[in-house]
Amino acid sequence: MNRTFIFDLCNTAFYAKDVTGQSLRTVIGGFHMLRAEYPLVDETIDWF
């Protein structure tokens, strides 16, 4: 799993929140993380 992709996902979510002024309710996708190692998954969940 590429950490850069996760950071891109978080940056995109942050930008969407910033532009709309609304809180993030749902992120669609994430199936690429099915094979990710747990520390990476936990870091991503913690960020959200």
N, C-alpha and C. Protein backbone atom coordinates (compact mmCIF):
# COMPACT_ATOMS: atom_id res chain seq x y z
N MET A 1 0.85 -1.17 0.00
CA MET A 1 0.00 0.00 0.00
C MET A 1 0.89 1.23 0.00
N ASN A 2 0.57 2.13 -0.82
CA ASN A 2 1.36 3.35 -0.98
C ASN A 2 0.86 4.43 -0.03
N ARG A 3 1.73 4.88 0.86
CA ARG A 3 1.36 5.92 1.82
C ARG A 3 0.96 7.21 1.11
N THR A 4 1.55 7.48 -0.04
CA THR A 4 1.22 8.70 -0.77
C THR A 4 -0.26 8.74 -1.12
N PHE A 5 -0.81 7.59 -1.50
CA PHE A 5 -2.23 7.55 -1.84
C PHE A 5 -3.08 7.92 -0.64
N ILE A 6 -2.72 7.41 0.53
CA ILE A 6 -3.49 7.71 1.74
C ILE A 6 -3.43 9.20 2.04
N PHE A 7 -2.24 9.79 1.92
CA PHE A 7 -2.12 11.22 2.17
C PHE A 7 -2.92 12.02 1.15
N ASP A 8 -2.95 11.55 -0.11
CA ASP A 8 -3.76 12.21 -1.12
C ASP A 8 -5.24 12.14 -0.76
N LEU A 9 -5.67 11.01 -0.28
CA LEU A 9 -7.07 10.85 0.14
C LEU A 9 -7.40 11.82 1.26
N CYS A 10 -6.54 11.90 2.26
CA CYS A 10 -6.77 12.80 3.38
C CYS A 10 -6.74 14.26 2.93
N ASN A 11 -5.82 14.60 2.05
CA ASN A 11 -5.75 15.97 1.54
C ASN A 11 -7.00 16.33 0.75
N THR A 12 -7.48 15.39 -0.05
CA THR A 12 -8.70 15.64 -0.82
C THR A 12 -9.89 15.85 0.10
N ALA A 13 -9.99 15.03 1.13
CA ALA A 13 -11.09 15.18 2.09
C ALA A 13 -10.99 16.52 2.81
N PHE A 14 -9.78 16.89 3.23
CA PHE A 14 -9.58 18.17 3.91
C PHE A 14 -9.97 19.33 3.00
N TYR A 15 -9.57 19.26 1.74
CA TYR A 15 -9.89 20.31 0.78
C TYR A 15 -11.41 20.41 0.58
N ALA A 16 -12.08 19.27 0.45
CA ALA A 16 -13.53 19.27 0.27
C ALA A 16 -14.22 19.92 1.46
N LYS A 17 -13.74 19.63 2.66
CA LYS A 17 -14.31 20.25 3.86
C LYS A 17 -14.06 21.74 3.86
N ASP A 18 -12.88 22.15 3.44
CA ASP A 18 -12.51 23.56 3.43
C ASP A 18 -13.34 24.34 2.41
N VAL A 19 -13.51 23.77 1.22
CA VAL A 19 -14.24 24.44 0.15
C VAL A 19 -15.73 24.55 0.46
N THR A 20 -16.31 23.48 0.98
CA THR A 20 -17.76 23.46 1.21
C THR A 20 -18.15 24.05 2.56
N GLY A 21 -17.22 24.06 3.50
CA GLY A 21 -17.55 24.52 4.84
C GLY A 21 -18.39 23.53 5.62
N GLN A 22 -18.51 22.33 5.11
CA GLN A 22 -19.32 21.30 5.75
C GLN A 22 -18.43 20.21 6.32
N SER A 23 -18.95 19.50 7.29
CA SER A 23 -18.19 18.39 7.86
C SER A 23 -18.24 17.19 6.90
N LEU A 24 -17.25 16.35 7.03
CA LEU A 24 -17.18 15.16 6.20
C LEU A 24 -18.09 14.09 6.81
N ARG A 25 -18.99 13.56 6.00
CA ARG A 25 -19.92 12.55 6.49
C ARG A 25 -19.61 11.16 5.98
N THR A 26 -19.17 11.08 4.73
CA THR A 26 -18.97 9.78 4.11
C THR A 26 -17.79 9.83 3.16
N VAL A 27 -17.04 8.77 3.14
CA VAL A 27 -16.00 8.59 2.14
C VAL A 27 -16.34 7.30 1.42
N ILE A 28 -16.51 7.39 0.13
CA ILE A 28 -16.86 6.21 -0.66
C ILE A 28 -15.59 5.62 -1.23
N GLY A 29 -15.44 4.34 -1.08
CA GLY A 29 -14.27 3.67 -1.62
C GLY A 29 -13.50 3.00 -0.50
N GLY A 30 -12.22 2.84 -0.72
CA GLY A 30 -11.37 2.24 0.29
C GLY A 30 -11.11 0.77 0.10
N PHE A 31 -11.67 0.20 -0.97
CA PHE A 31 -11.47 -1.24 -1.17
C PHE A 31 -10.00 -1.58 -1.43
N HIS A 32 -9.24 -0.61 -1.90
CA HIS A 32 -7.81 -0.83 -2.11
C HIS A 32 -7.10 -1.10 -0.79
N MET A 33 -7.75 -0.77 0.34
CA MET A 33 -7.12 -0.95 1.64
C MET A 33 -7.40 -2.33 2.24
N LEU A 34 -8.10 -3.16 1.54
CA LEU A 34 -8.40 -4.50 2.07
C LEU A 34 -7.13 -5.28 2.38
N ARG A 35 -6.09 -5.05 1.60
CA ARG A 35 -4.84 -5.78 1.80
C ARG A 35 -3.78 -4.93 2.50
N ALA A 36 -4.16 -3.77 2.96
CA ALA A 36 -3.20 -2.88 3.62
C ALA A 36 -2.84 -3.43 4.99
N GLU A 37 -1.67 -3.08 5.45
CA GLU A 37 -1.25 -3.49 6.78
C GLU A 37 -1.97 -2.63 7.82
N TYR A 38 -2.22 -3.21 8.97
CA TYR A 38 -3.04 -2.54 9.96
C TYR A 38 -2.53 -1.18 10.43
N PRO A 39 -1.22 -0.97 10.60
CA PRO A 39 -0.80 0.37 11.03
C PRO A 39 -1.25 1.46 10.06
N LEU A 40 -1.22 1.18 8.77
CA LEU A 40 -1.64 2.17 7.78
C LEU A 40 -3.14 2.40 7.86
N VAL A 41 -3.91 1.36 8.02
CA VAL A 41 -5.36 1.47 8.14
C VAL A 41 -5.70 2.27 9.41
N ASP A 42 -5.06 1.95 10.50
CA ASP A 42 -5.32 2.65 11.77
C ASP A 42 -4.98 4.14 11.66
N GLU A 43 -3.87 4.47 11.01
CA GLU A 43 -3.49 5.87 10.84
C GLU A 43 -4.54 6.62 10.03
N THR A 44 -5.05 5.98 8.99
CA THR A 44 -6.05 6.62 8.15
C THR A 44 -7.35 6.83 8.92
N ILE A 45 -7.77 5.84 9.67
CA ILE A 45 -8.99 5.96 10.48
C ILE A 45 -8.82 7.06 11.52
N ASP A 46 -7.66 7.11 12.17
CA ASP A 46 -7.41 8.15 13.15
C ASP A 46 -7.48 9.54 12.52
N TRP A 47 -7.00 9.68 11.29
CA TRP A 47 -7.03 10.98 10.64
C TRP A 47 -8.47 11.44 10.43
N PHE A 48 -9.32 10.49 9.98
CA PHE A 48 -10.71 10.85 9.75
C PHE A 48 -11.43 11.06 11.05
